[in-house]
């Protein structure tokens, strides 16, 4: 295997790269595609986790208080 260094380095304090419109011109260092930035995510795990975690915590607390010795 070849030892190649990763050229992907991002500093969180710097602004992100602009959306890529001409991939051939920036092939060595491309920015994100428009589809990756503008895609609507209606099936994310956030809404499910927002309800699932509190319900599980409450259920486990009830179980712990009722069945502990």
PDB file of N, CA and C in Angstrom:
ATOM      1  N   UNK A   1       0.834  -1.175   0.000  1.00  0.00           N
ATOM      2  CA  UNK A   1       0.000   0.000   0.000  1.00  0.00           C
ATOM      3  C   UNK A   1       0.879   1.240   0.000  1.00  0.00           C
ATOM      4  N   UNK A   2       0.386   2.251  -0.603  1.00  0.00           N
ATOM      5  CA  UNK A   2       1.122   3.499  -0.635  1.00  0.00           C
ATOM      6  C   UNK A   2       0.815   4.315   0.612  1.00  0.00           C
ATOM      7  N   UNK A   3       1.812   4.986   1.085  1.00  0.00           N
ATOM      8  CA  UNK A   3       1.615   5.911   2.201  1.00  0.00           C
ATOM      9  C   UNK A   3       1.347   7.288   1.626  1.00  0.00           C
ATOM     10  N   UNK A   4       0.097   7.680   1.631  1.00  0.00           N
ATOM     11  CA  UNK A   4      -0.257   8.997   1.123  1.00  0.00           C
ATOM     12  C   UNK A   4      -0.876   9.796   2.247  1.00  0.00           C
ATOM     13  N   UNK A   5      -0.526  11.050   2.302  1.00  0.00           N
ATOM     14  CA  UNK A   5      -1.088  11.914   3.323  1.00  0.00           C
ATOM     15  C   UNK A   5      -2.453  12.408   2.888  1.00  0.00           C
ATOM     16  N   UNK A   6      -3.334  12.523   3.819  1.00  0.00           N
ATOM     17  CA  UNK A   6      -4.664  13.026   3.527  1.00  0.00           C
ATOM     18  C   UNK A   6      -4.614  14.528   3.334  1.00  0.00           C
ATOM     19  N   UNK A   7      -5.200  15.003   2.258  1.00  0.00           N
ATOM     20  CA  UNK A   7      -5.231  16.440   2.008  1.00  0.00           C
ATOM     21  C   UNK A   7      -6.475  17.084   2.604  1.00  0.00           C
ATOM     22  N   UNK A   8      -7.311  16.281   3.227  1.00  0.00           N
ATOM     23  CA  UNK A   8      -8.558  16.794   3.782  1.00  0.00           C
ATOM     24  C   UNK A   8      -8.303  17.324   5.186  1.00  0.00           C
ATOM     25  N   UNK A   9      -8.162  18.621   5.298  1.00  0.00           N
ATOM     26  CA  UNK A   9      -8.012  19.252   6.606  1.00  0.00           C
ATOM     27  C   UNK A   9      -8.942  20.446   6.661  1.00  0.00           C
ATOM     28  N   UNK A  10      -9.737  20.491   7.695  1.00  0.00           N
ATOM     29  CA  UNK A  10     -10.657  21.605   7.875  1.00  0.00           C
ATOM     30  C   UNK A  10     -10.452  22.208   9.251  1.00  0.00           C
ATOM     31  N   UNK A  11     -10.378  23.500   9.284  1.00  0.00           N
ATOM     32  CA  UNK A  11     -10.269  24.219  10.541  1.00  0.00           C
ATOM     33  C   UNK A  11     -11.672  24.701  10.917  1.00  0.00           C
ATOM     34  N   UNK A  12     -12.186  24.313  12.080  1.00  0.00           N
ATOM     35  CA  UNK A  12     -13.550  24.720  12.441  1.00  0.00           C
ATOM     36  C   UNK A  12     -13.715  26.224  12.612  1.00  0.00           C
ATOM     37  N   UNK A  13     -12.610  26.949  12.744  1.00  0.00           N
ATOM     38  CA  UNK A  13     -12.699  28.396  12.907  1.00  0.00           C
ATOM     39  C   UNK A  13     -12.763  29.140  11.581  1.00  0.00           C
ATOM     40  N   UNK A  14     -12.505  28.441  10.491  1.00  0.00           N
ATOM     41  CA  UNK A  14     -12.534  29.052   9.171  1.00  0.00           C
ATOM     42  C   UNK A  14     -13.896  28.821   8.520  1.00  0.00           C
ATOM     43  N   UNK A  15     -14.327  29.692   7.617  1.00  0.00           N
ATOM     44  CA  UNK A  15     -15.597  29.454   6.918  1.00  0.00           C
ATOM     45  C   UNK A  15     -15.481  28.231   6.004  1.00  0.00           C
ATOM     46  N   UNK A  16     -16.600  27.566   5.771  1.00  0.00           N
ATOM     47  CA  UNK A  16     -16.572  26.358   4.949  1.00  0.00           C
ATOM     48  C   UNK A  16     -16.322  26.710   3.490  1.00  0.00           C
ATOM     49  N   UNK A  17     -15.945  25.688   2.725  1.00  0.00           N
ATOM     50  CA  UNK A  17     -15.695  25.893   1.302  1.00  0.00           C
ATOM     51  C   UNK A  17     -17.016  26.150   0.594  1.00  0.00           C
ATOM     52  N   UNK A  18     -17.000  26.929  -0.457  1.00  0.00           N
ATOM     53  CA  UNK A  18     -18.243  27.179  -1.188  1.00  0.00           C
ATOM     54  C   UNK A  18     -18.717  25.916  -1.903  1.00  0.00           C
ATOM     55  N   UNK A  19     -19.988  25.904  -2.254  1.00  0.00           N
ATOM     56  CA  UNK A  19     -20.574  24.765  -2.956  1.00  0.00           C
ATOM     57  C   UNK A  19     -19.892  24.613  -4.311  1.00  0.00           C
ATOM     58  N   UNK A  20     -19.580  23.368  -4.656  1.00  0.00           N
ATOM     59  CA  UNK A  20     -18.882  23.077  -5.900  1.00  0.00           C
ATOM     60  C   UNK A  20     -19.835  23.135  -7.083  1.00  0.00           C
ATOM     61  N   UNK A  21     -19.456  23.887  -8.119  1.00  0.00           N
ATOM     62  CA  UNK A  21     -20.268  23.966  -9.341  1.00  0.00           C
ATOM     63  C   UNK A  21     -19.517  23.455 -10.560  1.00  0.00           C
ATOM     64  N   UNK A  22     -18.189  23.470 -10.526  1.00  0.00           N
ATOM     65  CA  UNK A  22     -17.385  22.995 -11.644  1.00  0.00           C
ATOM     66  C   UNK A  22     -16.350  22.030 -11.089  1.00  0.00           C
ATOM     67  N   UNK A  23     -16.710  20.741 -11.044  1.00  0.00           N
ATOM     68  CA  UNK A  23     -15.850  19.751 -10.405  1.00  0.00           C
ATOM     69  C   UNK A  23     -14.520  19.589 -11.137  1.00  0.00           C
ATOM     70  N   UNK A  24     -14.535  19.633 -12.452  1.00  0.00           N
ATOM     71  CA  UNK A  24     -13.308  19.421 -13.215  1.00  0.00           C
ATOM     72  C   UNK A  24     -12.258  20.482 -12.897  1.00  0.00           C
ATOM     73  N   UNK A  25     -12.688  21.689 -12.623  1.00  0.00           N
ATOM     74  CA  UNK A  25     -11.740  22.766 -12.329  1.00  0.00           C
ATOM     75  C   UNK A  25     -11.087  22.585 -10.960  1.00  0.00           C
ATOM     76  N   UNK A  26     -11.814  22.060  -9.986  1.00  0.00           N
ATOM     77  CA  UNK A  26     -11.310  21.913  -8.621  1.00  0.00           C
ATOM     78  C   UNK A  26     -11.219  20.440  -8.216  1.00  0.00           C
ATOM     79  N   UNK A  27     -10.838  19.588  -9.138  1.00  0.00           N
ATOM     80  CA  UNK A  27     -10.853  18.146  -8.879  1.00  0.00           C
ATOM     81  C   UNK A  27      -9.925  17.744  -7.731  1.00  0.00           C
ATOM     82  N   UNK A  28      -8.805  18.416  -7.558  1.00  0.00           N
ATOM     83  CA  UNK A  28      -7.866  18.058  -6.493  1.00  0.00           C
ATOM     84  C   UNK A  28      -8.352  18.484  -5.112  1.00  0.00           C
ATOM     85  N   UNK A  29      -9.153  19.522  -5.030  1.00  0.00           N
ATOM     86  CA  UNK A  29      -9.627  20.026  -3.744  1.00  0.00           C
ATOM     87  C   UNK A  29     -11.072  20.510  -3.884  1.00  0.00           C
ATOM     88  N   UNK A  30     -12.026  19.580  -4.069  1.00  0.00           N
ATOM     89  CA  UNK A  30     -13.407  19.997  -4.324  1.00  0.00           C
ATOM     90  C   UNK A  30     -14.133  20.409  -3.053  1.00  0.00           C
ATOM     91  N   UNK A  31     -15.124  21.249  -3.225  1.00  0.00           N
ATOM     92  CA  UNK A  31     -16.026  21.607  -2.131  1.00  0.00           C
ATOM     93  C   UNK A  31     -17.212  20.649  -2.145  1.00  0.00           C
ATOM     94  N   UNK A  32     -18.186  20.837  -1.266  1.00  0.00           N
ATOM     95  CA  UNK A  32     -19.348  19.943  -1.245  1.00  0.00           C
ATOM     96  C   UNK A  32     -20.234  20.159  -2.468  1.00  0.00           C
ATOM     97  N   UNK A  33     -20.914  19.093  -2.865  1.00  0.00           N
ATOM     98  CA  UNK A  33     -21.819  19.197  -4.004  1.00  0.00           C
ATOM     99  C   UNK A  33     -23.090  19.921  -3.583  1.00  0.00           C
ATOM    100  N   UNK A  34     -23.814  20.531  -4.524  1.00  0.00           N
ATOM    101  CA  UNK A  34     -25.074  21.186  -4.170  1.00  0.00           C
ATOM    102  C   UNK A  34     -26.079  20.212  -3.559  1.00  0.00           C
ATOM    103  N   UNK A  35     -26.084  18.962  -4.019  1.00  0.00           N
ATOM    104  CA  UNK A  35     -27.017  17.980  -3.470  1.00  0.00           C
ATOM    105  C   UNK A  35     -26.728  17.699  -1.997  1.00  0.00           C
ATOM    106  N   UNK A  36     -25.467  17.691  -1.617  1.00  0.00           N
ATOM    107  CA  UNK A  36     -25.109  17.418  -0.226  1.00  0.00           C
ATOM    108  C   UNK A  36     -25.509  18.564   0.691  1.00  0.00           C
ATOM    109  N   UNK A  37     -25.513  19.776   0.185  1.00  0.00           N
ATOM    110  CA  UNK A  37     -25.816  20.937   1.009  1.00  0.00           C
ATOM    111  C   UNK A  37     -27.311  21.218   1.068  1.00  0.00           C
ATOM    112  N   UNK A  38     -27.995  21.047  -0.050  1.00  0.00           N
ATOM    113  CA  UNK A  38     -29.393  21.472  -0.153  1.00  0.00           C
ATOM    114  C   UNK A  38     -30.407  20.343   0.041  1.00  0.00           C
ATOM    115  N   UNK A  39     -29.954  19.122   0.289  1.00  0.00           N
ATOM    116  CA  UNK A  39     -30.871  17.999   0.427  1.00  0.00           C
ATOM    117  C   UNK A  39     -31.693  18.125   1.711  1.00  0.00           C
ATOM    118  N   UNK A  40     -32.999  17.953   1.590  1.00  0.00           N
ATOM    119  CA  UNK A  40     -33.876  18.006   2.749  1.00  0.00           C
ATOM    120  C   UNK A  40     -33.920  16.629   3.404  1.00  0.00           C
ATOM    121  N   UNK A  41     -33.680  16.570   4.675  1.00  0.00           N
ATOM    122  CA  UNK A  41     -33.647  15.305   5.394  1.00  0.00           C
ATOM    123  C   UNK A  41     -34.891  15.197   6.259  1.00  0.00           C
ATOM    124  N   UNK A  42     -35.899  14.498   5.752  1.00  0.00           N
ATOM    125  CA  UNK A  42     -37.135  14.342   6.508  1.00  0.00           C
ATOM    126  C   UNK A  42     -37.176  13.030   7.276  1.00  0.00           C
ATOM    127  N   UNK A  43     -36.150  12.221   7.168  1.00  0.00           N
ATOM    128  CA  UNK A  43     -36.118  10.929   7.850  1.00  0.00           C
ATOM    129  C   UNK A  43     -34.956  10.852   8.826  1.00  0.00           C
ATOM    130  N   UNK A  44     -34.628  11.939   9.431  1.00  0.00           N
ATOM    131  CA  UNK A  44     -33.513  11.961  10.366  1.00  0.00           C
ATOM    132  C   UNK A  44     -33.859  11.269  11.676  1.00  0.00           C
ATOM    133  N   UNK A  45     -32.835  10.951  12.431  1.00  0.00           N
ATOM    134  CA  UNK A  45     -33.030  10.256  13.698  1.00  0.00           C
ATOM    135  C   UNK A  45     -33.323  11.220  14.840  1.00  0.00           C
ATOM    136  N   UNK A  46     -33.133  12.511  14.638  1.00  0.00           N
ATOM    137  CA  UNK A  46     -33.324  13.484  15.703  1.00  0.00           C
ATOM    138  C   UNK A  46     -34.703  13.477  16.324  1.00  0.00           C
ATOM    139  N   UNK A  47     -35.779  13.572  15.530  1.00  0.00           N
ATOM    140  CA  UNK A  47     -37.119  13.559  16.132  1.00  0.00           C
ATOM    141  C   UNK A  47     -37.430  12.270  16.885  1.00  0.00           C
ATOM    142  N   UNK A  48     -36.950  11.143  16.396  1.00  0.00           N
ATOM    143  CA  UNK A  48     -37.196   9.870  17.079  1.00  0.00           C
ATOM    144  C   UNK A  48     -36.442   9.831  18.400  1.00  0.00           C
ATOM    145  N   UNK A  49     -35.186  10.244  18.378  1.00  0.00           N
ATOM    146  CA  UNK A  49     -34.382  10.211  19.596  1.00  0.00           C
ATOM    147  C   UNK A  49     -34.900  11.199  20.637  1.00  0.00           C
ATOM    148  N   UNK A  50     -35.483  12.296  20.181  1.00  0.00           N
ATOM    149  CA  UNK A  50     -36.019  13.300  21.102  1.00  0.00           C
ATOM    150  C   UNK A  50     -37.137  12.699  21.960  1.00  0.00           C
ATOM    151  N   UNK A  51     -37.889  11.767  21.421  1.00  0.00           N
ATOM    152  CA  UNK A  51     -38.963  11.134  22.179  1.00  0.00           C
ATOM    153  C   UNK A  51     -38.547   9.807  22.793  1.00  0.00           C
ATOM    154  N   UNK A  52     -37.666   9.081  22.142  1.00  0.00           N
ATOM    155  CA  UNK A  52     -37.292   7.759  22.619  1.00  0.00           C
ATOM    156  C   UNK A  52     -36.448   7.812  23.894  1.00  0.00           C
ATOM    157  N   UNK A  53     -35.490   8.707  23.953  1.00  0.00           N
ATOM    158  CA  UNK A  53     -34.598   8.762  25.116  1.00  0.00           C
ATOM    159  C   UNK A  53     -35.344   9.130  26.401  1.00  0.00           C
ATOM    160  N   UNK A  54     -36.183  10.172  26.435  1.00  0.00           N
ATOM    161  CA  UNK A  54     -36.908  10.446  27.683  1.00  0.00           C
ATOM    162  C   UNK A  54     -37.849   9.313  28.105  1.00  0.00           C
ATOM    163  N   UNK A  55     -38.504   8.673  27.150  1.00  0.00           N
ATOM    164  CA  UNK A  55     -39.400   7.560  27.489  1.00  0.00           C
ATOM    165  C   UNK A  55     -38.598   6.412  28.090  1.00  0.00           C
ATOM    166  N   UNK A  56     -37.444   6.101  27.509  1.00  0.00           N
ATOM    167  CA  UNK A  56     -36.622   5.027  28.069  1.00  0.00           C
ATOM    168  C   UNK A  56     -36.084   5.386  29.452  1.00  0.00           C
ATOM    169  N   UNK A  57     -35.696   6.629  29.660  1.00  0.00           N
ATOM    170  CA  UNK A  57     -35.195   7.047  30.972  1.00  0.00           C
ATOM    171  C   UNK A  57     -36.292   6.929  32.020  1.00  0.00           C
ATOM    172  N   UNK A  58     -37.480   7.380  31.701  1.00  0.00           N
ATOM    173  CA  UNK A  58     -38.601   7.295  32.645  1.00  0.00           C
ATOM    174  C   UNK A  58     -38.953   5.836  32.923  1.00  0.00           C
ATOM    175  N   UNK A  59     -38.991   5.000  31.883  1.00  0.00           N
ATOM    176  CA  UNK A  59     -39.309   3.579  32.075  1.00  0.00           C
ATOM    177  C   UNK A  59     -38.252   2.901  32.939  1.00  0.00           C
ATOM    178  N   UNK A  60     -36.990   3.198  32.706  1.00  0.00           N
ATOM    179  CA  UNK A  60     -35.938   2.591  33.519  1.00  0.00           C
ATOM    180  C   UNK A  60     -35.962   3.103  34.960  1.00  0.00           C
ATOM    181  N   UNK A  61     -36.297   4.381  35.159  1.00  0.00           N
ATOM    182  CA  UNK A  61     -36.432   4.883  36.532  1.00  0.00           C
ATOM    183  C   UNK A  61     -37.590   4.205  37.260  1.00  0.00           C
ATOM    184  N   UNK A  62     -38.712   4.019  36.590  1.00  0.00           N
ATOM    185  CA  UNK A  62     -39.850   3.321  37.208  1.00  0.00           C
ATOM    186  C   UNK A  62     -39.454   1.895  37.552  1.00  0.00           C
ATOM    187  N   UNK A  63     -38.794   1.206  36.616  1.00  0.00           N
ATOM    188  CA  UNK A  63     -38.350  -0.163  36.865  1.00  0.00           C
ATOM    189  C   UNK A  63     -37.404  -0.218  38.054  1.00  0.00           C
ATOM    190  N   UNK A  64     -36.465   0.744  38.124  1.00  0.00           N
ATOM    191  CA  UNK A  64     -35.486   0.759  39.200  1.00  0.00           C
ATOM    192  C   UNK A  64     -36.141   1.017  40.556  1.00  0.00           C
ATOM    193  N   UNK A  65     -37.103   1.946  40.621  1.00  0.00           N
ATOM    194  CA  UNK A  65     -37.765   2.246  41.891  1.00  0.00           C
ATOM    195  C   UNK A  65     -38.712   1.134  42.328  1.00  0.00           C
ATOM    196  N   UNK A  66     -39.345   0.453  41.382  1.00  0.00           N
ATOM    197  CA  UNK A  66     -40.311  -0.588  41.743  1.00  0.00           C
ATOM    198  C   UNK A  66     -39.628  -1.895  42.106  1.00  0.00           C
ATOM    199  N   UNK A  67     -38.602  -2.294  41.352  1.00  0.00           N
ATOM    200  CA  UNK A  67     -38.046  -3.623  41.523  1.00  0.00           C
ATOM    201  C   UNK A  67     -36.712  -3.661  42.266  1.00  0.00           C
ATOM    202  N   UNK A  68     -36.232  -2.563  42.774  1.00  0.00           N
ATOM    203  CA  UNK A  68     -34.978  -2.627  43.542  1.00  0.00           C
ATOM    204  C   UNK A  68     -35.258  -3.203  44.928  1.00  0.00           C
ATOM    205  N   UNK A  69     -34.260  -3.799  45.478  1.00  0.00           N
ATOM    206  CA  UNK A  69     -34.465  -4.460  46.779  1.00  0.00           C
ATOM    207  C   UNK A  69     -34.094  -3.575  47.922  1.00  0.00           C
TER     208      UNK A  69
END
